[in-house]
C-alpha atoms as a PDB file:
ATOM      1  CA  MET A   1      44.744 136.534 109.856  1.00  0.00           C
ATOM      2  CA  THR A   2      45.722 140.087 108.798  1.00  0.00           C
ATOM      3  CA  ARG A   3      47.535 140.734 105.567  1.00  0.00           C
ATOM      4  CA  PRO A   4      50.630 141.810 106.824  1.00  0.00           C
ATOM      5  CA  ALA A   5      50.976 139.026 109.194  1.00  0.00           C
ATOM      6  CA  LEU A   6      50.095 136.295 106.552  1.00  0.00           C
ATOM      7  CA  ILE A   7      53.117 137.866 104.473  1.00  0.00           C
ATOM      8  CA  LEU A   8      55.353 137.678 107.319  1.00  0.00           C
ATOM      9  CA  ALA A   9      54.288 133.953 108.701  1.00  0.00           C
ATOM     10  CA  PHE A  10      54.919 132.977 105.171  1.00  0.00           C
ATOM     11  CA  ALA A  11      58.439 134.552 105.095  1.00  0.00           C
ATOM     12  CA  LEU A  12      59.152 132.841 108.264  1.00  0.00           C
ATOM     13  CA  MET A  13      57.936 129.573 106.770  1.00  0.00           C
ATOM     14  CA  SER A  14      60.263 130.239 103.156  1.00  0.00           C
ATOM     15  CA  THR A  15      63.099 131.145 105.426  1.00  0.00           C
ATOM     16  CA  ALA A  16      63.199 127.676 107.702  1.00  0.00           C
ATOM     17  CA  ALA A  17      62.662 125.658 104.326  1.00  0.00           C
ATOM     18  CA  MET A  18      65.255 127.266 102.152  1.00  0.00           C
ATOM     19  CA  ALA A  19      67.452 126.722 106.204  1.00  0.00           C
ATOM     20  CA  GLN A  20      66.936 123.073 106.402  1.00  0.00           C
ATOM     21  CA  ALA A  21      67.484 122.627 102.768  1.00  0.00           C
ATOM     22  CA  GLN A  22      71.195 123.983 102.426  1.00  0.00           C
ATOM     23  CA  SER A  23      73.813 121.686 101.906  1.00  0.00           C
ATOM     24  CA  ILE A  24      77.051 121.245 103.579  1.00  0.00           C
ATOM     25  CA  GLY A  25      80.100 121.796 101.446  1.00  0.00           C
ATOM     26  CA  ILE A  26      82.811 120.247  99.785  1.00  0.00           C
ATOM     27  CA  ASP A  27      84.759 121.401 103.047  1.00  0.00           C
ATOM     28  CA  ASP A  28      82.700 119.644 105.324  1.00  0.00           C
ATOM     29  CA  ALA A  29      82.180 116.660 104.032  1.00  0.00           C
ATOM     30  CA  LEU A  30      86.125 116.184 103.994  1.00  0.00           C
ATOM     31  CA  VAL A  31      86.512 116.846 107.466  1.00  0.00           C
ATOM     32  CA  ILE A  32      83.524 114.224 107.799  1.00  0.00           C
ATOM     33  CA  VAL A  33      84.975 111.471 105.554  1.00  0.00           C
ATOM     34  CA  ARG A  34      88.406 112.106 107.481  1.00  0.00           C
ATOM     35  CA  ALA A  35      86.802 112.083 110.707  1.00  0.00           C
ATOM     36  CA  ASN A  36      85.582 108.004 109.536  1.00  0.00           C
ATOM     37  CA  GLY A  37      88.582 107.240 108.596  1.00  0.00           C
ATOM     38  CA  MET A  38      89.284 107.968 105.331  1.00  0.00           C
ATOM     39  CA  THR A  39      92.684 108.862 105.190  1.00  0.00           C
ATOM     40  CA  THR A  40      93.228 109.226 101.269  1.00  0.00           C
ATOM     41  CA  VAL A  41      90.097 111.137  99.266  1.00  0.00           C
ATOM     42  CA  ALA A  42      90.520 110.644  95.992  1.00  0.00           C
ATOM     43  CA  LYS A  43      87.089 111.516  94.704  1.00  0.00           C
ATOM     44  CA  LEU A  44      84.621 113.198  96.469  1.00  0.00           C
ATOM     45  CA  GLU A  45      81.476 114.001  94.014  1.00  0.00           C
ATOM     46  CA  HIS A  46      77.682 115.928  95.344  1.00  0.00           C
ATOM     47  CA  GLU A  47      75.033 114.356  93.699  1.00  0.00           C
ATOM     48  CA  HIS A  48      71.136 113.304  93.827  1.00  0.00           C
ATOM     49  CA  GLU A  49      70.166 109.809  93.812  1.00  0.00           C
ATOM     50  CA  ASN A  50      66.335 108.902  95.119  1.00  0.00           C
ATOM     51  CA  GLY A  51      64.945 112.512  96.066  1.00  0.00           C
ATOM     52  CA  VAL A  52      68.568 112.804  98.617  1.00  0.00           C
ATOM     53  CA  ALA A  53      71.312 114.791  98.287  1.00  0.00           C
ATOM     54  CA  LYS A  54      74.356 113.255  99.103  1.00  0.00           C
ATOM     55  CA  TRP A  55      77.902 113.110  98.866  1.00  0.00           C
ATOM     56  CA  GLU A  56      79.824 110.098  98.125  1.00  0.00           C
ATOM     57  CA  ALA A  57      83.385 109.984  98.785  1.00  0.00           C
ATOM     58  CA  GLU A  58      86.085 106.658  97.050  1.00  0.00           C
ATOM     59  CA  GLY A  59      89.484 106.451  99.084  1.00  0.00           C
ATOM     60  CA  LEU A  60      91.744 105.002 100.902  1.00  0.00           C
ATOM     61  CA  ASN A  61      92.151 104.273 105.008  1.00  0.00           C
ATOM     62  CA  ALA A  62      95.457 103.916 107.093  1.00  0.00           C
ATOM     63  CA  GLN A  63      95.843 100.883 106.031  1.00  0.00           C
ATOM     64  CA  GLY A  64      95.637 101.362 102.281  1.00  0.00           C
ATOM     65  CA  LYS A  65      92.162  99.646 101.920  1.00  0.00           C
ATOM     66  CA  LYS A  66      89.404 101.119  99.808  1.00  0.00           C
ATOM     67  CA  MET A  67      86.344 103.256 101.442  1.00  0.00           C
ATOM     68  CA  LYS A  68      83.031 104.577  99.746  1.00  0.00           C
ATOM     69  CA  ILE A  69      81.573 106.840 102.149  1.00  0.00           C
ATOM     70  CA  GLU A  70      78.407 108.513 101.035  1.00  0.00           C
ATOM     71  CA  ILE A  71      76.952 111.292 103.455  1.00  0.00           C
ATOM     72  CA  ASP A  72      73.826 112.898 103.372  1.00  0.00           C
ATOM     73  CA  SER A  73      74.133 116.902 102.297  1.00  0.00           C
ATOM     74  CA  VAL A  74      71.162 118.216 104.488  1.00  0.00           C
ATOM     75  CA  SER A  75      71.626 116.651 107.894  1.00  0.00           C
ATOM     76  CA  SER A  76      75.608 115.823 107.175  1.00  0.00           C
ATOM     77  CA  LYS A  77      74.480 112.240 108.494  1.00  0.00           C
ATOM     78  CA  VAL A  78      76.700 109.376 107.553  1.00  0.00           C
ATOM     79  CA  LEU A  79      74.452 107.061 105.456  1.00  0.00           C
ATOM     80  CA  SER A  80      77.031 104.277 104.583  1.00  0.00           C
ATOM     81  CA  ILE A  81      80.620 103.233 105.337  1.00  0.00           C
ATOM     82  CA  LYS A  82      81.315 100.758 102.929  1.00  0.00           C
END
């Protein structure tokens, strides 16, 4: 592989890795927790636990029951709802 091609390949791999590692913002996290039944959000934190970057929300559903929702902040996937 020629040097310019090698540099281009490295740049493309780095860009793809950075795109995968970007996390969703607080606005997206709020949309996800509300779409999953949380009507009142009391706490919303971004944290890293066991190598996973995630959003953790605590609040109430429409019936006033406590809820806790965890969202993978890279994939936007809901990890748990309690």
